[in-house]
Each structure stands twice: as structure tokens, then as C-alpha cells.
Amino acid sequence: MCEFRKFTAAQTGYVAQCPSCRSIEIVYGTSVIHIGFSDWENFNEYLASVQQSYRPSENRDMKTIMLHFGGNGPLQMFLTTDELHEFCKLIDEADSEIRAWHLIELFEKG
């Protein structure tokens, strides 16, 4: 059973990682996403590509941005423009923390 430690938290969610298996848990709103550590970088690249290619809706309250997760799986998350920015900020903060923790781990093992 994983015991996740939070790397970053916001009012709308958090990002945590299990120190044993290194899987990452992303909670945002009512969505929970689990990804393997090896998929973290690809996940970040995917979010960056979505941020670069989306077109803001005239209605800022409309959830027009779809994030598709899980390869052939059915998991999708629909966000407003503001939610996308907030979600990406949460992920960026977590990425910095995760990278720092893993550098510390490398020095401790070395």
C-alpha cells in the first residue's frame, strides 16, 4: 500500500509521491490521476503542448479544454482556461519539488 508524501498543495488539489514505488498521485478538483514516475516527464510535456495549442473560449466559465490521459484509456478531464492555468501551475511546482527530492536522494546514495 502506498504512503504518499505531498510535494505541493493548493486549494484545488495536490501532487504527492510514494517513496517506495515512486508512483505519483495528482489530485485536482474531483479528479485523481495516478502515474508512474517514468511517465512524469511525458505527462509534463503533454501539458506543455496543450497549453501551447489551446484556444481560449469567449466564455471563460465553459470547460472547453480536454486533457486526455491513459493512452487508449477513457480518462478525460475537462477544464476552463483558468483551471488549465491553475492545474499546470500545480504540476510545475510539483515538478520542481520532485526533481529536488530526487537530486537529494542521488547525493545520499552516492
PDB file of N, CA and C in Angstrom:
ATOM      1  N   MET A   1       0.841  -1.177   0.000  1.00  0.00           N
ATOM      2  CA  MET A   1       0.000   0.000   0.000  1.00  0.00           C
ATOM      3  C   MET A   1       0.890   1.245   0.000  1.00  0.00           C
ATOM      4  N   CYS A   2       0.579   2.160  -0.860  1.00  0.00           N
ATOM      5  CA  CYS A   2       1.382   3.371  -0.973  1.00  0.00           C
ATOM      6  C   CYS A   2       1.090   4.344   0.167  1.00  0.00           C
ATOM      7  N   GLU A   3       2.139   5.013   0.602  1.00  0.00           N
ATOM      8  CA  GLU A   3       2.018   6.093   1.575  1.00  0.00           C
ATOM      9  C   GLU A   3       2.569   7.342   0.909  1.00  0.00           C
ATOM     10  N   PHE A   4       1.678   8.093   0.295  1.00  0.00           N
ATOM     11  CA  PHE A   4       2.086   9.245  -0.493  1.00  0.00           C
ATOM     12  C   PHE A   4       2.526  10.401   0.392  1.00  0.00           C
ATOM     13  N   ARG A   5       3.608  11.076  -0.026  1.00  0.00           N
ATOM     14  CA  ARG A   5       4.029  12.315   0.633  1.00  0.00           C
ATOM     15  C   ARG A   5       3.769  13.450  -0.357  1.00  0.00           C
ATOM     16  N   LYS A   6       3.136  14.490   0.146  1.00  0.00           N
ATOM     17  CA  LYS A   6       2.765  15.608  -0.710  1.00  0.00           C
ATOM     18  C   LYS A   6       3.984  16.455  -1.035  1.00  0.00           C
ATOM     19  N   PHE A   7       4.103  16.804  -2.301  1.00  0.00           N
ATOM     20  CA  PHE A   7       5.162  17.704  -2.746  1.00  0.00           C
ATOM     21  C   PHE A   7       4.664  19.132  -2.824  1.00  0.00           C
ATOM     22  N   THR A   8       3.430  19.293  -3.230  1.00  0.00           N
ATOM     23  CA  THR A   8       2.844  20.618  -3.338  1.00  0.00           C
ATOM     24  C   THR A   8       1.340  20.497  -3.173  1.00  0.00           C
ATOM     25  N   ALA A   9       0.751  21.545  -2.638  1.00  0.00           N
ATOM     26  CA  ALA A   9      -0.693  21.541  -2.437  1.00  0.00           C
ATOM     27  C   ALA A   9      -1.247  22.927  -2.718  1.00  0.00           C
ATOM     28  N   ALA A  10      -2.458  22.943  -3.207  1.00  0.00           N
ATOM     29  CA  ALA A  10      -3.188  24.186  -3.455  1.00  0.00           C
ATOM     30  C   ALA A  10      -4.606  23.973  -2.955  1.00  0.00           C
ATOM     31  N   GLN A  11      -5.395  24.990  -3.016  1.00  0.00           N
ATOM     32  CA  GLN A  11      -6.774  24.886  -2.553  1.00  0.00           C
ATOM     33  C   GLN A  11      -7.553  23.845  -3.360  1.00  0.00           C
ATOM     34  N   THR A  12      -7.188  23.679  -4.621  1.00  0.00           N
ATOM     35  CA  THR A  12      -7.943  22.787  -5.501  1.00  0.00           C
ATOM     36  C   THR A  12      -7.349  21.395  -5.645  1.00  0.00           C
ATOM     37  N   GLY A  13      -6.165  21.157  -5.071  1.00  0.00           N
ATOM     38  CA  GLY A  13      -5.584  19.827  -5.216  1.00  0.00           C
ATOM     39  C   GLY A  13      -4.169  19.742  -4.704  1.00  0.00           C
ATOM     40  N   TYR A  14      -3.532  18.617  -5.002  1.00  0.00           N
ATOM     41  CA  TYR A  14      -2.147  18.396  -4.576  1.00  0.00           C
ATOM     42  C   TYR A  14      -1.469  17.382  -5.483  1.00  0.00           C
ATOM     43  N   VAL A  15      -0.157  17.303  -5.351  1.00  0.00           N
ATOM     44  CA  VAL A  15       0.636  16.287  -6.035  1.00  0.00           C
ATOM     45  C   VAL A  15       1.475  15.605  -4.965  1.00  0.00           C
ATOM     46  N   ALA A  16       1.460  14.280  -4.979  1.00  0.00           N
ATOM     47  CA  ALA A  16       2.185  13.503  -3.973  1.00  0.00           C
ATOM     48  C   ALA A  16       2.888  12.328  -4.657  1.00  0.00           C
ATOM     49  N   GLN A  17       3.863  11.762  -3.940  1.00  0.00           N
ATOM     50  CA  GLN A  17       4.589  10.619  -4.484  1.00  0.00           C
ATOM     51  C   GLN A  17       4.810   9.590  -3.385  1.00  0.00           C
ATOM     52  N   CYS A  18       4.730   8.328  -3.767  1.00  0.00           N
ATOM     53  CA  CYS A  18       5.028   7.234  -2.844  1.00  0.00           C
ATOM     54  C   CYS A  18       6.539   7.021  -2.841  1.00  0.00           C
ATOM     55  N   PRO A  19       7.190   7.100  -1.676  1.00  0.00           N
ATOM     56  CA  PRO A  19       8.638   6.907  -1.641  1.00  0.00           C
ATOM     57  C   PRO A  19       9.074   5.483  -1.972  1.00  0.00           C
ATOM     58  N   SER A  20       8.182   4.516  -1.807  1.00  0.00           N
ATOM     59  CA  SER A  20       8.538   3.125  -2.079  1.00  0.00           C
ATOM     60  C   SER A  20       8.505   2.797  -3.566  1.00  0.00           C
ATOM     61  N   CYS A  21       7.329   2.972  -4.178  1.00  0.00           N
ATOM     62  CA  CYS A  21       7.191   2.598  -5.593  1.00  0.00           C
ATOM     63  C   CYS A  21       7.406   3.770  -6.539  1.00  0.00           C
ATOM     64  N   ARG A  22       7.481   4.981  -5.993  1.00  0.00           N
ATOM     65  CA  ARG A  22       7.719   6.223  -6.726  1.00  0.00           C
ATOM     66  C   ARG A  22       6.565   6.660  -7.630  1.00  0.00           C
ATOM     67  N   SER A  23       5.406   5.995  -7.533  1.00  0.00           N
ATOM     68  CA  SER A  23       4.265   6.435  -8.329  1.00  0.00           C
ATOM     69  C   SER A  23       3.804   7.803  -7.834  1.00  0.00           C
ATOM     70  N   ILE A  24       3.172   8.540  -8.728  1.00  0.00           N
ATOM     71  CA  ILE A  24       2.764   9.909  -8.433  1.00  0.00           C
ATOM     72  C   ILE A  24       1.240   9.985  -8.461  1.00  0.00           C
ATOM     73  N   GLU A  25       0.706  10.675  -7.475  1.00  0.00           N
ATOM     74  CA  GLU A  25      -0.736  10.884  -7.370  1.00  0.00           C
ATOM     75  C   GLU A  25      -1.005  12.364  -7.557  1.00  0.00           C
ATOM     76  N   ILE A  26      -1.885  12.673  -8.509  1.00  0.00           N
ATOM     77  CA  ILE A  26      -2.273  14.050  -8.786  1.00  0.00           C
ATOM     78  C   ILE A  26      -3.763  14.150  -8.486  1.00  0.00           C
ATOM     79  N   VAL A  27      -4.100  15.053  -7.588  1.00  0.00           N
ATOM     80  CA  VAL A  27      -5.497  15.286  -7.240  1.00  0.00           C
ATOM     81  C   VAL A  27      -5.818  16.721  -7.622  1.00  0.00           C
ATOM     82  N   TYR A  28      -6.838  16.875  -8.443  1.00  0.00           N
ATOM     83  CA  TYR A  28      -7.262  18.219  -8.845  1.00  0.00           C
ATOM     84  C   TYR A  28      -8.781  18.223  -8.931  1.00  0.00           C
ATOM     85  N   GLY A  29      -9.403  19.069  -8.148  1.00  0.00           N
ATOM     86  CA  GLY A  29     -10.867  19.094  -8.121  1.00  0.00           C
ATOM     87  C   GLY A  29     -11.393  17.746  -7.684  1.00  0.00           C
ATOM     88  N   THR A  30     -12.190  17.130  -8.529  1.00  0.00           N
ATOM     89  CA  THR A  30     -12.732  15.805  -8.221  1.00  0.00           C
ATOM     90  C   THR A  30     -11.995  14.693  -8.955  1.00  0.00           C
ATOM     91  N   SER A  31     -10.893  15.012  -9.604  1.00  0.00           N
ATOM     92  CA  SER A  31     -10.133  14.027 -10.373  1.00  0.00           C
ATOM     93  C   SER A  31      -8.911  13.549  -9.602  1.00  0.00           C
ATOM     94  N   VAL A  32      -8.620  12.266  -9.733  1.00  0.00           N
ATOM     95  CA  VAL A  32      -7.408  11.679  -9.161  1.00  0.00           C
ATOM     96  C   VAL A  32      -6.711  10.923 -10.286  1.00  0.00           C
ATOM     97  N   ILE A  33      -5.447  11.250 -10.478  1.00  0.00           N
ATOM     98  CA  ILE A  33      -4.656  10.627 -11.541  1.00  0.00           C
ATOM     99  C   ILE A  33      -3.444   9.969 -10.901  1.00  0.00           C
ATOM    100  N   HIS A  34      -3.207   8.712 -11.213  1.00  0.00           N
ATOM    101  CA  HIS A  34      -2.006   8.012 -10.759  1.00  0.00           C
ATOM    102  C   HIS A  34      -1.149   7.719 -11.988  1.00  0.00           C
ATOM    103  N   ILE A  35       0.111   8.111 -11.909  1.00  0.00           N
ATOM    104  CA  ILE A  35       1.038   7.798 -12.997  1.00  0.00           C
ATOM    105  C   ILE A  35       2.330   7.276 -12.402  1.00  0.00           C
ATOM    106  N   GLY A  36       3.030   6.492 -13.184  1.00  0.00           N
ATOM    107  CA  GLY A  36       4.337   6.007 -12.762  1.00  0.00           C
ATOM    108  C   GLY A  36       5.360   7.125 -12.874  1.00  0.00           C
ATOM    109  N   PHE A  37       6.390   7.034 -12.068  1.00  0.00           N
ATOM    110  CA  PHE A  37       7.434   8.055 -12.098  1.00  0.00           C
ATOM    111  C   PHE A  37       8.054   8.167 -13.483  1.00  0.00           C
ATOM    112  N   SER A  38       8.181   7.043 -14.174  1.00  0.00           N
ATOM    113  CA  SER A  38       8.789   7.067 -15.508  1.00  0.00           C
ATOM    114  C   SER A  38       7.925   7.837 -16.520  1.00  0.00           C
ATOM    115  N   ASP A  39       6.640   8.026 -16.217  1.00  0.00           N
ATOM    116  CA  ASP A  39       5.740   8.757 -17.117  1.00  0.00           C
ATOM    117  C   ASP A  39       5.638  10.240 -16.782  1.00  0.00           C
ATOM    118  N   TRP A  40       6.256  10.668 -15.679  1.00  0.00           N
ATOM    119  CA  TRP A  40       6.131  12.046 -15.211  1.00  0.00           C
ATOM    120  C   TRP A  40       6.600  13.060 -16.254  1.00  0.00           C
ATOM    121  N   GLU A  41       7.742  12.824 -16.848  1.00  0.00           N
ATOM    122  CA  GLU A  41       8.282  13.770 -17.828  1.00  0.00           C
ATOM    123  C   GLU A  41       7.372  13.864 -19.052  1.00  0.00           C
ATOM    124  N   ASN A  42       6.878  12.727 -19.532  1.00  0.00           N
ATOM    125  CA  ASN A  42       5.957  12.742 -20.673  1.00  0.00           C
ATOM    126  C   ASN A  42       4.663  13.474 -20.328  1.00  0.00           C
ATOM    127  N   PHE A  43       4.196  13.306 -19.103  1.00  0.00           N
ATOM    128  CA  PHE A  43       2.998  13.993 -18.632  1.00  0.00           C
ATOM    129  C   PHE A  43       3.202  15.508 -18.693  1.00  0.00           C
ATOM    130  N   ASN A  44       4.354  15.969 -18.217  1.00  0.00           N
ATOM    131  CA  ASN A  44       4.676  17.398 -18.253  1.00  0.00           C
ATOM    132  C   ASN A  44       4.772  17.913 -19.685  1.00  0.00           C
ATOM    133  N   GLU A  45       5.365  17.148 -20.566  1.00  0.00           N
ATOM    134  CA  GLU A  45       5.467  17.541 -21.972  1.00  0.00           C
ATOM    135  C   GLU A  45       4.083  17.635 -22.607  1.00  0.00           C
ATOM    136  N   TYR A  46       3.216  16.684 -22.263  1.00  0.00           N
ATOM    137  CA  TYR A  46       1.849  16.709 -22.789  1.00  0.00           C
ATOM    138  C   TYR A  46       1.123  17.978 -22.342  1.00  0.00           C
ATOM    139  N   LEU A  47       1.233  18.316 -21.052  1.00  0.00           N
ATOM    140  CA  LEU A  47       0.578  19.527 -20.552  1.00  0.00           C
ATOM    141  C   LEU A  47       1.121  20.780 -21.231  1.00  0.00           C
ATOM    142  N   ALA A  48       2.420  20.817 -21.457  1.00  0.00           N
ATOM    143  CA  ALA A  48       3.017  21.969 -22.145  1.00  0.00           C
ATOM    144  C   ALA A  48       2.457  22.100 -23.557  1.00  0.00           C
ATOM    145  N   SER A  49       2.288  20.974 -24.247  1.00  0.00           N
ATOM    146  CA  SER A  49       1.750  21.024 -25.610  1.00  0.00           C
ATOM    147  C   SER A  49       0.293  21.476 -25.607  1.00  0.00           C
ATOM    148  N   VAL A  50      -0.475  21.060 -24.611  1.00  0.00           N
ATOM    149  CA  VAL A  50      -1.872  21.503 -24.509  1.00  0.00           C
ATOM    150  C   VAL A  50      -1.918  23.008 -24.259  1.00  0.00           C
ATOM    151  N   GLN A  51      -1.066  23.496 -23.359  1.00  0.00           N
ATOM    152  CA  GLN A  51      -1.042  24.935 -23.067  1.00  0.00           C
ATOM    153  C   GLN A  51      -0.705  25.751 -24.308  1.00  0.00           C
ATOM    154  N   GLN A  52       0.182  25.231 -25.135  1.00  0.00           N
ATOM    155  CA  GLN A  52       0.599  25.973 -26.323  1.00  0.00           C
ATOM    156  C   GLN A  52      -0.457  25.939 -27.425  1.00  0.00           C
ATOM    157  N   SER A  53      -1.257  24.888 -27.476  1.00  0.00           N
ATOM    158  CA  SER A  53      -2.158  24.721 -28.610  1.00  0.00           C
ATOM    159  C   SER A  53      -3.618  25.061 -28.345  1.00  0.00           C
ATOM    160  N   TYR A  54      -4.014  25.255 -27.098  1.00  0.00           N
ATOM    161  CA  TYR A  54      -5.430  25.507 -26.839  1.00  0.00           C
ATOM    162  C   TYR A  54      -5.814  26.917 -27.273  1.00  0.00           C
ATOM    163  N   ARG A  55      -7.086  27.062 -27.573  1.00  0.00           N
ATOM    164  CA  ARG A  55      -7.629  28.376 -27.931  1.00  0.00           C
ATOM    165  C   ARG A  55      -8.634  28.766 -26.839  1.00  0.00           C
ATOM    166  N   PRO A  56      -8.388  29.886 -26.167  1.00  0.00           N
ATOM    167  CA  PRO A  56      -9.307  30.308 -25.103  1.00  0.00           C
ATOM    168  C   PRO A  56     -10.725  30.529 -25.639  1.00  0.00           C
ATOM    169  N   SER A  57     -11.683  30.110 -24.867  1.00  0.00           N
ATOM    170  CA  SER A  57     -13.085  30.299 -25.221  1.00  0.00           C
ATOM    171  C   SER A  57     -13.517  31.710 -24.848  1.00  0.00           C
ATOM    172  N   GLU A  58     -14.482  32.235 -25.573  1.00  0.00           N
ATOM    173  CA  GLU A  58     -15.023  33.545 -25.214  1.00  0.00           C
ATOM    174  C   GLU A  58     -15.720  33.476 -23.865  1.00  0.00           C
ATOM    175  N   ASN A  59     -16.315  32.336 -23.561  1.00  0.00           N
ATOM    176  CA  ASN A  59     -16.961  32.117 -22.267  1.00  0.00           C
ATOM    177  C   ASN A  59     -15.941  31.449 -21.341  1.00  0.00           C
ATOM    178  N   ARG A  60     -15.330  32.214 -20.458  1.00  0.00           N
ATOM    179  CA  ARG A  60     -14.248  31.705 -19.597  1.00  0.00           C
ATOM    180  C   ARG A  60     -14.725  30.669 -18.589  1.00  0.00           C
ATOM    181  N   ASP A  61     -16.046  30.577 -18.386  1.00  0.00           N
ATOM    182  CA  ASP A  61     -16.581  29.594 -17.442  1.00  0.00           C
ATOM    183  C   ASP A  61     -16.894  28.253 -18.099  1.00  0.00           C
ATOM    184  N   MET A  62     -16.737  28.165 -19.407  1.00  0.00           N
ATOM    185  CA  MET A  62     -17.056  26.945 -20.120  1.00  0.00           C
ATOM    186  C   MET A  62     -15.828  26.016 -20.144  1.00  0.00           C
ATOM    187  N   LYS A  63     -16.047  24.767 -19.847  1.00  0.00           N
ATOM    188  CA  LYS A  63     -14.962  23.769 -19.824  1.00  0.00           C
ATOM    189  C   LYS A  63     -14.734  23.263 -21.250  1.00  0.00           C
ATOM    190  N   THR A  64     -13.884  23.971 -21.967  1.00  0.00           N
ATOM    191  CA  THR A  64     -13.650  23.660 -23.376  1.00  0.00           C
ATOM    192  C   THR A  64     -12.318  22.970 -23.631  1.00  0.00           C
ATOM    193  N   ILE A  65     -11.499  22.841 -22.604  1.00  0.00           N
ATOM    194  CA  ILE A  65     -10.172  22.247 -22.783  1.00  0.00           C
ATOM    195  C   ILE A  65     -10.210  20.818 -22.266  1.00  0.00           C
ATOM    196  N   MET A  66      -9.894  19.873 -23.145  1.00  0.00           N
ATOM    197  CA  MET A  66      -9.926  18.472 -22.760  1.00  0.00           C
ATOM    198  C   MET A  66      -8.502  17.945 -22.610  1.00  0.00           C
ATOM    199  N   LEU A  67      -8.237  17.360 -21.466  1.00  0.00           N
ATOM    200  CA  LEU A  67      -6.988  16.637 -21.254  1.00  0.00           C
ATOM    201  C   LEU A  67      -7.319  15.165 -21.343  1.00  0.00           C
ATOM    202  N   HIS A  68      -6.601  14.457 -22.170  1.00  0.00           N
ATOM    203  CA  HIS A  68      -6.843  13.028 -22.377  1.00  0.00           C
ATOM    204  C   HIS A  68      -5.694  12.253 -21.745  1.00  0.00           C
ATOM    205  N   PHE A  69      -6.014  11.388 -20.803  1.00  0.00           N
ATOM    206  CA  PHE A  69      -4.990  10.629 -20.087  1.00  0.00           C
ATOM    207  C   PHE A  69      -5.157   9.138 -20.336  1.00  0.00           C
ATOM    208  N   GLY A  70      -4.080   8.423 -20.158  1.00  0.00           N
ATOM    209  CA  GLY A  70      -4.160   6.971 -20.130  1.00  0.00           C
ATOM    210  C   GLY A  70      -4.038   6.272 -21.460  1.00  0.00           C
ATOM    211  N   GLY A  71      -3.364   6.867 -22.425  1.00  0.00           N
ATOM    212  CA  GLY A  71      -3.178   6.184 -23.699  1.00  0.00           C
ATOM    213  C   GLY A  71      -4.515   5.870 -24.343  1.00  0.00           C
ATOM    214  N   ASN A  72      -4.851   4.577 -24.422  1.00  0.00           N
ATOM    215  CA  ASN A  72      -6.116   4.164 -25.028  1.00  0.00           C
ATOM    216  C   ASN A  72      -7.264   4.172 -24.020  1.00  0.00           C
ATOM    217  N   GLY A  73      -6.969   4.544 -22.784  1.00  0.00           N
ATOM    218  CA  GLY A  73      -7.983   4.545 -21.729  1.00  0.00           C
ATOM    219  C   GLY A  73      -8.972   5.679 -21.885  1.00  0.00           C
ATOM    220  N   PRO A  74     -10.078   5.595 -21.162  1.00  0.00           N
ATOM    221  CA  PRO A  74     -11.160   6.568 -21.319  1.00  0.00           C
ATOM    222  C   PRO A  74     -11.045   7.808 -20.427  1.00  0.00           C
ATOM    223  N   LEU A  75      -9.987   7.948 -19.637  1.00  0.00           N
ATOM    224  CA  LEU A  75      -9.919   9.050 -18.693  1.00  0.00           C
ATOM    225  C   LEU A  75      -9.682  10.372 -19.406  1.00  0.00           C
ATOM    226  N   GLN A  76     -10.607  11.307 -19.168  1.00  0.00           N
ATOM    227  CA  GLN A  76     -10.500  12.650 -19.721  1.00  0.00           C
ATOM    228  C   GLN A  76     -10.842  13.642 -18.625  1.00  0.00           C
ATOM    229  N   MET A  77     -10.238  14.814 -18.700  1.00  0.00           N
ATOM    230  CA  MET A  77     -10.521  15.879 -17.755  1.00  0.00           C
ATOM    231  C   MET A  77     -10.862  17.120 -18.579  1.00  0.00           C
ATOM    232  N   PHE A  78     -11.967  17.763 -18.259  1.00  0.00           N
ATOM    233  CA  PHE A  78     -12.369  18.967 -18.957  1.00  0.00           C
ATOM    234  C   PHE A  78     -12.163  20.161 -18.040  1.00  0.00           C
ATOM    235  N   LEU A  79     -11.509  21.201 -18.560  1.00  0.00           N
ATOM    236  CA  LEU A  79     -11.139  22.367 -17.758  1.00  0.00           C
ATOM    237  C   LEU A  79     -11.487  23.667 -18.470  1.00  0.00           C
ATOM    238  N   THR A  80     -11.674  24.713 -17.670  1.00  0.00           N
ATOM    239  CA  THR A  80     -11.763  26.062 -18.213  1.00  0.00           C
ATOM    240  C   THR A  80     -10.335  26.561 -18.432  1.00  0.00           C
ATOM    241  N   THR A  81     -10.208  27.698 -19.072  1.00  0.00           N
ATOM    242  CA  THR A  81      -8.883  28.286 -19.282  1.00  0.00           C
ATOM    243  C   THR A  81      -8.188  28.543 -17.950  1.00  0.00           C
ATOM    244  N   ASP A  82      -8.915  29.122 -16.993  1.00  0.00           N
ATOM    245  CA  ASP A  82      -8.326  29.408 -15.692  1.00  0.00           C
ATOM    246  C   ASP A  82      -7.927  28.124 -14.959  1.00  0.00           C
ATOM    247  N   GLU A  83      -8.764  27.093 -15.058  1.00  0.00           N
ATOM    248  CA  GLU A  83      -8.440  25.815 -14.417  1.00  0.00           C
ATOM    249  C   GLU A  83      -7.200  25.188 -15.041  1.00  0.00           C
ATOM    250  N   LEU A  84      -7.061  25.305 -16.359  1.00  0.00           N
ATOM    251  CA  LEU A  84      -5.866  24.768 -17.015  1.00  0.00           C
ATOM    252  C   LEU A  84      -4.619  25.462 -16.473  1.00  0.00           C
ATOM    253  N   HIS A  85      -4.661  26.776 -16.362  1.00  0.00           N
ATOM    254  CA  HIS A  85      -3.509  27.515 -15.836  1.00  0.00           C
ATOM    255  C   HIS A  85      -3.212  27.107 -14.391  1.00  0.00           C
ATOM    256  N   GLU A  86      -4.252  26.971 -13.594  1.00  0.00           N
ATOM    257  CA  GLU A  86      -4.089  26.579 -12.194  1.00  0.00           C
ATOM    258  C   GLU A  86      -3.527  25.154 -12.076  1.00  0.00           C
ATOM    259  N   PHE A  87      -4.047  24.244 -12.897  1.00  0.00           N
ATOM    260  CA  PHE A  87      -3.586  22.858 -12.903  1.00  0.00           C
ATOM    261  C   PHE A  87      -2.113  22.790 -13.320  1.00  0.00           C
ATOM    262  N   CYS A  88      -1.753  23.505 -14.366  1.00  0.00           N
ATOM    263  CA  CYS A  88      -0.364  23.498 -14.846  1.00  0.00           C
ATOM    264  C   CYS A  88       0.578  24.129 -13.826  1.00  0.00           C
ATOM    265  N   LYS A  89       0.121  25.139 -13.119  1.00  0.00           N
ATOM    266  CA  LYS A  89       0.939  25.746 -12.071  1.00  0.00           C
ATOM    267  C   LYS A  89       1.209  24.731 -10.955  1.00  0.00           C
ATOM    268  N   LEU A  90       0.183  23.989 -10.571  1.00  0.00           N
ATOM    269  CA  LEU A  90       0.336  22.950  -9.556  1.00  0.00           C
ATOM    270  C   LEU A  90       1.354  21.902 -10.007  1.00  0.00           C
ATOM    271  N   ILE A  91       1.263  21.486 -11.253  1.00  0.00           N
ATOM    272  CA  ILE A  91       2.177  20.479 -11.798  1.00  0.00           C
ATOM    273  C   ILE A  91       3.599  21.034 -11.883  1.00  0.00           C
ATOM    274  N   ASP A  92       3.754  22.274 -12.305  1.00  0.00           N
ATOM    275  CA  ASP A  92       5.087  22.893 -12.385  1.00  0.00           C
ATOM    276  C   ASP A  92       5.751  22.970 -11.014  1.00  0.00           C
ATOM    277  N   GLU A  93       4.979  23.374 -10.007  1.00  0.00           N
ATOM    278  CA  GLU A  93       5.520  23.438  -8.649  1.00  0.00           C
ATOM    279  C   GLU A  93       5.933  22.053  -8.167  1.00  0.00           C
ATOM    280  N   ALA A  94       5.101  21.074  -8.441  1.00  0.00           N
ATOM    281  CA  ALA A  94       5.418  19.702  -8.031  1.00  0.00           C
ATOM    282  C   ALA A  94       6.656  19.192  -8.758  1.00  0.00           C
ATOM    283  N   ASP A  95       6.781  19.534 -10.028  1.00  0.00           N
ATOM    284  CA  ASP A  95       7.939  19.082 -10.802  1.00  0.00           C
ATOM    285  C   ASP A  95       9.238  19.589 -10.190  1.00  0.00           C
ATOM    286  N   SER A  96       9.248  20.843  -9.793  1.00  0.00           N
ATOM    287  CA  SER A  96      10.445  21.400  -9.152  1.00  0.00           C
ATOM    288  C   SER A  96      10.764  20.665  -7.856  1.00  0.00           C
ATOM    289  N   GLU A  97       9.740  20.404  -7.054  1.00  0.00           N
ATOM    290  CA  GLU A  97       9.943  19.695  -5.783  1.00  0.00           C
ATOM    291  C   GLU A  97      10.397  18.263  -6.004  1.00  0.00           C
ATOM    292  N   ILE A  98       9.779  17.583  -6.948  1.00  0.00           N
ATOM    293  CA  ILE A  98      10.142  16.190  -7.232  1.00  0.00           C
ATOM    294  C   ILE A  98      11.582  16.101  -7.708  1.00  0.00           C
ATOM    295  N   ARG A  99      11.970  16.988  -8.604  1.00  0.00           N
ATOM    296  CA  ARG A  99      13.357  16.982  -9.098  1.00  0.00           C
ATOM    297  C   ARG A  99      14.342  17.247  -7.957  1.00  0.00           C
ATOM    298  N   ALA A 100      14.016  18.185  -7.079  1.00  0.00           N
ATOM    299  CA  ALA A 100      14.894  18.485  -5.946  1.00  0.00           C
ATOM    300  C   ALA A 100      15.035  17.277  -5.025  1.00  0.00           C
ATOM    301  N   TRP A 101      13.918  16.623  -4.703  1.00  0.00           N
ATOM    302  CA  TRP A 101      13.975  15.441  -3.835  1.00  0.00           C
ATOM    303  C   TRP A 101      14.814  14.326  -4.448  1.00  0.00           C
ATOM    304  N   HIS A 102      14.681  14.137  -5.740  1.00  0.00           N
ATOM    305  CA  HIS A 102      15.424  13.060  -6.378  1.00  0.00           C
ATOM    306  C   HIS A 102      16.909  13.382  -6.508  1.00  0.00           C
ATOM    307  N   LEU A 103      17.262  14.648  -6.627  1.00  0.00           N
ATOM    308  CA  LEU A 103      18.677  15.026  -6.586  1.00  0.00           C
ATOM    309  C   LEU A 103      19.257  14.755  -5.199  1.00  0.00           C
ATOM    310  N   ILE A 104      18.486  15.090  -4.174  1.00  0.00           N
ATOM    311  CA  ILE A 104      18.930  14.813  -2.800  1.00  0.00           C
ATOM    312  C   ILE A 104      19.126  13.317  -2.608  1.00  0.00           C
ATOM    313  N   GLU A 105      18.205  12.516  -3.103  1.00  0.00           N
ATOM    314  CA  GLU A 105      18.322  11.062  -2.990  1.00  0.00           C
ATOM    315  C   GLU A 105      19.583  10.553  -3.679  1.00  0.00           C
ATOM    316  N   LEU A 106      19.892  11.109  -4.835  1.00  0.00           N
ATOM    317  CA  LEU A 106      21.098  10.686  -5.559  1.00  0.00           C
ATOM    318  C   LEU A 106      22.356  10.995  -4.763  1.00  0.00           C
ATOM    319  N   PHE A 107      22.407  12.171  -4.145  1.00  0.00           N
ATOM    320  CA  PHE A 107      23.574  12.531  -3.337  1.00  0.00           C
ATOM    321  C   PHE A 107      23.682  11.670  -2.099  1.00  0.00           C
ATOM    322  N   GLU A 108      22.567  11.311  -1.501  1.00  0.00           N
ATOM    323  CA  GLU A 108      22.585  10.474  -0.311  1.00  0.00           C
ATOM    324  C   GLU A 108      23.050   9.063  -0.622  1.00  0.00           C
ATOM    325  N   LYS A 109      22.713   8.567  -1.804  1.00  0.00           N
ATOM    326  CA  LYS A 109      23.123   7.214  -2.197  1.00  0.00           C
ATOM    327  C   LYS A 109      24.583   7.178  -2.645  1.00  0.00           C
ATOM    328  N   GLY A 110      25.061   8.307  -3.169  1.00  0.00           N
ATOM    329  CA  GLY A 110      26.395   8.383  -3.741  1.00  0.00           C
ATOM    330  C   GLY A 110      27.438   8.413  -2.693  1.00  0.00           C
TER     331      GLY A 110
END
